[in-house]
Amino acid sequence: MSRSPPIHHSSFSIHHSPAPYDALLLVSFGGPEKPEDVLPFLENVVRGKNVPRERLLQVAERYRLFGGASPINEQNRALLRALVAELNAHGPPLAVYWGNRNWHPLLPDTLQQMADDGIRRALAFVTSAFGSYPGCRQYLEDVQRAREAAGPQAPQVEKLRLFFNHPGFIEAMADRVLAALEEIPAERRQAARLAYTAHSLPVQMALSSPYQTQLAEACRLVSERIGRAEWDLVYQSRSAAGRGPPQAWLESDVKDHLRRLQEAGSVKDVVLVPIGFVSEHIEVVYDLDVEAVGLGEQLGISVVRAGVVGTHPRFVTMIRELIQERIAECPTRLALGTLGPWPDDCPAGCCVPQRP
């Protein structure tokens, strides 16, 4: 099946709405789409981190296993199409744009296009459900730099709140887990172990954020919805290390977790649930589908991987609901569990960057 060419200045236009907002900006991580993109993309990801060249080359090999392309950009195009259809059907009527942190369409290019198109005030949906420096504050910093590059005509951009406990996210994730459980023979299904995965962070960075608390709550809510009392939260995709001093990272690693389950001897099936990721990309398809599933085969454990929320219809509707709550005079702020809805503006001191 042929792929559409990359979109650099990306505008999926509907109708411009009156004040207060006239556009939605989809903000994501980005990923390479051909082999020659891989190293420049990785250099963007680690800029300022003093990561050894040999480490970048090792990571680049993972992308080459998949033809040098990450699935994330194509997934974002699918999400854009679904969002346009959702907003056209139900409103509000917004122009929809897309900008990435690390690869085309890059945020500075998109913000310049928005300024040229006369956009003055936009809402931003960031494809990250949980609060952390790389998952929230860093995106805000990148948007601000892109606005500064676009100059005085740059639109104001306001981020939609974190959605870790929004019903739309929890319900969509629960559907993905149930679909994965269906892949396990019926007689073994109830005994299958759930292992939710999220990107590991340096411990010191995690301590300045609500990351672990929000992850645990989301895992609990999904498990509760599907009637599972037991589950585990593990971590994956520890980032490339720089040349600075060693630091502790969030644990347990997903592969270590599988080894411990094998040593315990009571688990035959594990469902890996990448709850920390909205879109498919290399850190999901390599770290889980290749490494974790491969290790499971070596250990004699059947490992099934649940899908990400992606373009699940309930997730797409959730984005519209987040938009509508921001424009309503008396909004209904949907949230499950005990933590309540996250505020529109993060608390002062939340997710501060880690300093060397």
Protein backbone atom coordinates (compact mmCIF):
# COMPACT_ATOMS: atom_id res chain seq x y z
CA MET A 1 0.00 0.00 0.00
CA SER A 2 1.45 3.37 -0.95
CA ARG A 3 2.07 6.01 1.70
CA SER A 4 1.25 9.65 1.43
CA PRO A 5 4.30 11.94 1.30
CA PRO A 6 5.43 13.62 4.53
CA ILE A 7 3.51 16.74 5.47
CA HIS A 8 5.81 19.54 6.55
CA HIS A 9 3.64 22.65 6.85
CA SER A 10 0.59 20.72 7.92
CA SER A 11 -2.86 22.28 7.90
CA PHE A 12 -6.04 20.23 7.80
CA SER A 13 -8.51 23.09 7.50
CA ILE A 14 -12.16 23.07 8.46
CA HIS A 15 -13.68 26.51 9.09
CA HIS A 16 -12.14 29.15 11.28
CA SER A 17 -14.20 29.70 14.39
CA PRO A 18 -14.83 33.00 16.11
CA ALA A 19 -12.95 33.83 19.32
CA PRO A 20 -11.74 32.50 21.66
CA TYR A 21 -9.96 29.77 19.64
CA ASP A 22 -9.54 29.32 15.92
CA ALA A 23 -7.28 26.25 15.69
CA LEU A 24 -6.18 23.00 17.26
CA LEU A 25 -2.47 22.10 17.22
CA LEU A 26 -1.55 18.41 17.47
CA VAL A 27 1.89 18.25 19.11
CA SER A 28 3.91 15.04 19.04
CA PHE A 29 7.40 13.59 19.26
CA GLY A 30 8.04 12.87 15.58
CA GLY A 31 9.98 10.10 13.92
CA PRO A 32 12.02 9.29 10.79
CA GLU A 33 10.27 8.14 7.65
CA LYS A 34 13.21 6.84 5.61
CA PRO A 35 16.73 5.53 6.37
CA GLU A 36 18.50 8.84 5.71
CA ASP A 37 16.26 10.53 8.30
CA VAL A 38 17.35 8.29 11.17
CA LEU A 39 20.60 9.86 12.37
CA PRO A 40 19.46 13.48 11.94
CA PHE A 41 16.30 12.61 13.87
CA LEU A 42 18.28 10.98 16.69
CA GLU A 43 20.61 13.98 16.82
CA ASN A 44 17.55 16.18 17.32
CA VAL A 45 16.30 13.92 20.11
CA VAL A 46 19.56 14.05 22.10
CA ARG A 47 20.62 17.62 21.31
CA GLY A 48 22.34 19.15 24.31
CA LYS A 49 22.75 15.80 26.08
CA ASN A 50 26.32 14.88 25.07
CA VAL A 51 25.38 11.34 24.00
CA PRO A 52 28.29 9.36 22.47
CA ARG A 53 28.11 8.89 18.70
CA GLU A 54 28.49 5.12 19.07
CA ARG A 55 25.35 5.03 21.19
CA LEU A 56 23.38 6.86 18.48
CA LEU A 57 24.60 4.35 15.90
CA GLN A 58 23.41 1.48 18.10
CA VAL A 59 19.94 3.02 18.39
CA ALA A 60 19.88 3.75 14.65
CA GLU A 61 20.18 0.02 13.96
CA ARG A 62 16.81 -0.51 15.64
CA TYR A 63 15.17 1.82 13.14
CA ARG A 64 16.85 0.06 10.23
CA LEU A 65 15.17 -3.18 11.29
CA PHE A 66 11.95 -1.43 10.28
CA GLY A 67 13.20 0.08 7.03
CA GLY A 68 14.35 3.30 8.69
CA ALA A 69 10.78 4.41 9.37
CA SER A 70 8.94 4.90 12.65
CA PRO A 71 5.17 4.31 12.58
CA ILE A 72 4.50 7.43 14.67
CA ASN A 73 4.11 9.98 11.86
CA GLU A 74 1.69 7.81 9.91
CA GLN A 75 -0.28 7.26 13.12
CA ASN A 76 -0.44 11.02 13.66
CA ARG A 77 -1.76 11.50 10.14
CA ALA A 78 -4.47 8.96 10.91
CA LEU A 79 -5.26 10.78 14.16
CA LEU A 80 -5.47 14.08 12.29
CA ARG A 81 -7.94 12.62 9.81
CA ALA A 82 -10.04 11.20 12.64
CA LEU A 83 -9.97 14.53 14.49
CA VAL A 84 -11.05 16.47 11.43
CA ALA A 85 -13.96 14.07 10.91
CA GLU A 86 -14.92 14.31 14.59
CA LEU A 87 -14.85 18.11 14.64
CA ASN A 88 -16.66 18.39 11.34
CA ALA A 89 -19.41 16.14 12.67
CA HIS A 90 -19.77 17.58 16.17
CA GLY A 91 -17.83 20.85 16.37
CA PRO A 92 -16.30 23.09 17.39
CA PRO A 93 -15.18 24.22 13.91
CA LEU A 94 -11.39 24.58 14.18
CA ALA A 95 -8.51 24.52 11.74
CA VAL A 96 -6.25 21.60 12.69
CA TYR A 97 -2.44 21.73 12.49
CA TRP A 98 0.35 19.34 13.37
CA GLY A 99 3.87 19.99 14.65
CA ASN A 100 6.55 17.67 16.08
CA ARG A 101 9.35 18.19 18.55
CA ASN A 102 12.04 16.20 16.71
CA TRP A 103 11.12 15.62 13.05
CA HIS A 104 9.07 17.06 10.24
CA PRO A 105 6.63 18.68 10.45
CA LEU A 106 8.68 20.57 13.03
CA LEU A 107 6.99 22.94 15.46
CA PRO A 108 8.77 26.11 14.23
CA ASP A 109 7.59 25.43 10.66
CA THR A 110 4.04 24.73 11.81
CA LEU A 111 3.83 27.83 14.04
CA GLN A 112 5.10 29.94 11.15
CA GLN A 113 2.43 28.45 8.90
CA MET A 114 -0.22 29.18 11.50
CA ALA A 115 0.97 32.78 11.76
CA ASP A 116 0.91 33.12 7.96
CA ASP A 117 -2.62 31.71 7.92
CA GLY A 118 -3.78 34.32 10.39
CA ILE A 119 -4.32 31.98 13.34
CA ARG A 120 -4.37 34.01 16.53
CA ARG A 121 -5.30 31.62 19.35
CA ALA A 122 -4.94 27.84 19.36
CA LEU A 123 -5.40 24.92 21.71
CA ALA A 124 -2.65 22.28 21.73
CA PHE A 125 -3.21 18.57 22.22
CA VAL A 126 0.05 16.89 23.22
CA THR A 127 0.23 13.13 22.63
CA SER A 128 1.29 12.42 26.21
CA ALA A 129 -1.17 11.48 28.94
CA PHE A 130 1.12 11.82 31.95
CA GLY A 131 2.96 14.64 33.65
CA SER A 132 6.77 14.68 33.46
CA TYR A 133 9.43 16.99 32.11
CA PRO A 134 9.78 15.20 28.72
CA GLY A 135 6.05 14.43 28.56
CA CYS A 136 4.66 17.87 29.36
CA ARG A 137 6.90 20.82 30.28
CA GLN A 138 9.42 20.18 27.52
CA TYR A 139 6.65 20.31 24.94
CA LEU A 140 5.52 23.66 26.36
CA GLU A 141 9.08 24.95 26.11
CA ASP A 142 9.36 23.78 22.50
CA VAL A 143 6.07 25.44 21.58
CA GLN A 144 7.24 28.69 23.17
CA ARG A 145 10.54 28.59 21.24
CA ALA A 146 8.60 27.96 18.04
CA ARG A 147 6.34 30.95 18.79
CA GLU A 148 9.36 33.17 19.39
CA ALA A 149 10.85 32.06 16.06
CA ALA A 150 7.60 32.91 14.29
CA GLY A 151 7.75 36.47 15.62
CA PRO A 152 5.07 38.88 16.81
CA GLN A 153 2.37 37.38 14.58
CA ALA A 154 2.72 33.95 16.21
CA PRO A 155 -0.54 32.64 17.66
CA GLN A 156 -1.10 32.19 21.36
CA VAL A 157 -1.05 28.44 22.15
CA GLU A 158 -2.69 26.93 25.23
CA LYS A 159 -2.16 23.27 26.10
CA LEU A 160 -5.11 20.99 26.86
CA ARG A 161 -4.86 19.30 30.25
CA LEU A 162 -3.32 15.93 30.99
CA PHE A 163 -5.78 13.11 30.36
CA PHE A 164 -4.36 10.14 32.31
CA ASN A 165 -7.68 9.56 34.13
CA HIS A 166 -10.13 10.85 31.52
CA PRO A 167 -12.85 8.27 30.76
CA GLY A 168 -12.02 8.42 27.05
CA PHE A 169 -8.43 7.35 27.63
CA ILE A 170 -9.27 4.68 30.21
CA GLU A 171 -12.10 3.18 28.16
CA ALA A 172 -10.03 3.08 24.97
CA MET A 173 -7.07 1.51 26.79
CA ALA A 174 -9.34 -1.07 28.41
CA ASP A 175 -10.64 -2.09 24.98
CA ARG A 176 -7.05 -2.62 23.78
CA VAL A 177 -6.29 -4.82 26.80
CA LEU A 178 -9.44 -6.91 26.30
CA ALA A 179 -8.53 -7.44 22.64
CA ALA A 180 -5.07 -8.64 23.68
CA LEU A 181 -6.52 -11.02 26.26
CA GLU A 182 -8.66 -12.57 23.53
CA GLU A 183 -5.41 -13.76 21.88
CA ILE A 184 -4.74 -16.03 24.86
CA PRO A 185 -6.47 -19.44 24.94
CA ALA A 186 -9.66 -19.24 26.99
CA GLU A 187 -8.53 -21.79 29.55
CA ARG A 188 -5.40 -19.72 30.37
CA ARG A 189 -6.87 -16.24 30.03
CA GLN A 190 -7.85 -15.62 33.64
CA ALA A 191 -4.39 -16.55 34.89
CA ALA A 192 -2.62 -14.23 32.43
CA ARG A 193 -0.56 -11.49 34.08
CA LEU A 194 -1.04 -7.82 33.13
CA ALA A 195 2.13 -5.75 32.93
CA TYR A 196 1.60 -2.07 32.11
CA THR A 197 4.64 -0.36 30.60
CA ALA A 198 5.77 3.24 30.44
CA HIS A 199 8.95 5.04 29.48
CA SER A 200 11.53 4.97 32.26
CA LEU A 201 12.81 8.31 33.60
CA PRO A 202 15.73 9.26 35.82
CA VAL A 203 14.47 8.94 39.39
CA GLN A 204 15.36 12.54 40.24
CA MET A 205 13.37 13.77 37.27
CA ALA A 206 10.38 11.60 38.18
CA LEU A 207 10.37 12.94 41.74
CA SER A 208 9.64 16.47 40.49
CA SER A 209 6.55 15.29 38.62
CA PRO A 210 3.26 13.43 39.15
CA TYR A 211 4.40 10.76 36.65
CA GLN A 212 4.42 7.67 38.87
CA THR A 213 1.25 8.61 40.75
CA GLN A 214 -0.67 9.24 37.53
CA LEU A 215 0.62 6.04 35.92
CA ALA A 216 -0.41 3.94 38.90
CA GLU A 217 -3.87 5.52 38.89
CA ALA A 218 -4.37 4.91 35.18
CA CYS A 219 -3.28 1.28 35.52
CA ARG A 220 -5.68 0.81 38.42
CA LEU A 221 -8.57 2.37 36.51
CA VAL A 222 -8.04 0.25 33.40
CA SER A 223 -7.69 -2.91 35.48
CA GLU A 224 -10.82 -2.07 37.44
CA ARG A 225 -12.78 -1.54 34.23
CA ILE A 226 -11.86 -4.98 32.88
CA GLY A 227 -12.30 -6.75 36.24
CA ARG A 228 -8.65 -7.48 37.01
CA ALA A 229 -7.45 -7.06 40.59
CA GLU A 230 -3.78 -7.91 39.97
CA TRP A 231 -1.44 -5.99 37.69
CA ASP A 232 2.13 -4.72 37.53
CA LEU A 233 3.64 -1.41 36.41
CA VAL A 234 7.06 -1.74 34.79
CA TYR A 235 9.28 0.49 32.69
CA GLN A 236 10.96 0.31 29.32
CA SER A 237 13.05 2.29 26.84
CA ARG A 238 15.64 3.73 29.18
CA SER A 239 17.13 6.55 27.14
CA ALA A 240 20.61 6.69 25.69
CA ALA A 241 23.06 7.66 28.41
CA GLY A 242 25.28 10.70 28.06
CA ARG A 243 28.79 11.20 29.41
CA GLY A 244 27.67 12.67 32.73
CA PRO A 245 27.62 10.91 36.10
CA PRO A 246 25.54 7.72 36.38
CA GLN A 247 22.00 8.10 37.70
CA ALA A 248 19.23 5.86 38.93
CA TRP A 249 16.26 5.20 36.64
CA LEU A 250 12.71 4.07 37.38
CA GLU A 251 12.43 0.30 37.74
CA SER A 252 11.53 -2.54 37.26
CA ASP A 253 12.60 -2.91 33.66
CA VAL A 254 10.12 -4.95 31.63
CA LYS A 255 12.70 -7.59 30.73
CA ASP A 256 13.80 -7.99 34.35
CA HIS A 257 10.14 -8.35 35.25
CA LEU A 258 9.69 -11.20 32.76
CA ARG A 259 12.74 -12.95 34.18
CA ARG A 260 11.35 -12.72 37.71
CA LEU A 261 8.01 -14.13 36.57
CA GLN A 262 9.81 -17.05 34.95
CA GLU A 263 11.79 -17.69 38.13
CA ALA A 264 8.57 -17.70 40.15
CA GLY A 265 7.31 -20.40 37.79
CA SER A 266 3.60 -19.66 38.04
CA VAL A 267 2.99 -17.48 34.97
CA LYS A 268 2.48 -18.84 31.47
CA ASP A 269 1.03 -15.75 29.75
CA VAL A 270 1.77 -12.03 30.06
CA VAL A 271 -0.06 -9.16 28.41
CA LEU A 272 2.16 -6.11 27.95
CA VAL A 273 0.12 -2.91 27.96
CA PRO A 274 2.01 0.20 26.73
CA ILE A 275 -0.16 2.57 28.73
CA GLY A 276 2.54 5.24 28.73
CA PHE A 277 2.38 5.62 24.93
CA VAL A 278 -0.42 7.08 22.80
CA SER A 279 1.08 6.13 19.41
CA GLU A 280 3.02 3.21 18.00
CA HIS A 281 6.68 4.04 17.49
CA ILE A 282 10.06 2.34 17.67
CA GLU A 283 10.24 2.32 21.46
CA VAL A 284 7.05 0.25 21.44
CA VAL A 285 7.58 -2.01 18.44
CA TYR A 286 11.27 -2.70 19.16
CA ASP A 287 11.46 -2.73 22.94
CA LEU A 288 8.24 -4.73 23.35
CA ASP A 289 7.49 -6.58 20.10
CA VAL A 290 11.10 -7.54 19.40
CA GLU A 291 12.99 -7.60 22.70
CA ALA A 292 10.33 -8.41 25.29
CA VAL A 293 8.39 -10.88 23.13
CA GLY A 294 11.68 -12.50 22.08
CA LEU A 295 12.80 -12.82 25.69
CA GLY A 296 9.44 -14.34 26.57
CA GLU A 297 10.01 -17.04 23.96
CA GLN A 298 13.40 -17.82 25.50
CA LEU A 299 11.87 -18.01 28.97
CA GLY A 300 8.90 -20.13 27.95
CA ILE A 301 6.38 -17.35 28.62
CA SER A 302 3.81 -16.38 26.00
CA VAL A 303 3.91 -12.57 25.69
CA VAL A 304 1.06 -10.71 23.99
CA ARG A 305 1.26 -6.99 23.42
CA ALA A 306 -1.85 -4.78 23.67
CA GLY A 307 -2.26 -1.94 21.20
CA VAL A 308 -1.92 1.75 22.02
CA VAL A 309 -5.03 3.94 22.04
CA GLY A 310 -4.06 5.37 18.63
CA THR A 311 -7.24 6.33 16.79
CA HIS A 312 -9.69 4.45 18.99
CA PRO A 313 -13.03 6.27 18.50
CA ARG A 314 -13.47 6.88 22.23
CA PHE A 315 -10.01 8.46 22.40
CA VAL A 316 -10.76 10.74 19.45
CA THR A 317 -14.01 11.78 21.12
CA MET A 318 -12.04 12.47 24.30
CA ILE A 319 -9.94 15.07 22.48
CA ARG A 320 -13.10 16.85 21.36
CA GLU A 321 -14.40 16.72 24.92
CA LEU A 322 -11.19 18.32 26.19
CA ILE A 323 -11.62 21.10 23.63
CA GLN A 324 -15.24 21.65 24.55
CA GLU A 325 -14.52 21.86 28.28
CA ARG A 326 -12.03 24.67 27.57
CA ILE A 327 -14.50 26.74 25.58
CA ALA A 328 -17.61 26.10 27.74
CA GLU A 329 -18.78 28.73 30.22
CA CYS A 330 -19.64 26.04 32.78
CA PRO A 331 -17.48 23.08 31.77
CA THR A 332 -17.90 19.47 32.77
CA ARG A 333 -14.38 18.22 33.54
CA LEU A 334 -14.50 14.46 33.14
CA ALA A 335 -12.18 12.34 35.29
CA LEU A 336 -12.29 8.92 36.91
CA GLY A 337 -10.85 7.81 40.23
CA THR A 338 -9.73 9.82 43.21
CA LEU A 339 -7.19 12.27 41.78
CA GLY A 340 -9.69 14.44 39.94
CA PRO A 341 -9.13 16.29 36.65
CA TRP A 342 -5.68 17.78 36.15
CA PRO A 343 -5.70 21.60 36.06
CA ASP A 344 -5.38 23.43 32.76
CA ASP A 345 -2.18 25.09 34.01
CA CYS A 346 0.30 22.84 35.78
CA PRO A 347 1.24 23.84 39.35
CA ALA A 348 4.35 25.98 39.84
CA GLY A 349 7.47 23.85 40.14
CA CYS A 350 5.84 20.84 38.50
CA CYS A 351 8.05 18.76 36.18
CA VAL A 352 11.08 21.03 36.48
CA PRO A 353 13.94 20.05 34.18
CA GLN A 354 16.72 17.95 35.60
CA ARG A 355 19.96 19.86 35.96
CA PRO A 356 23.37 18.23 35.60
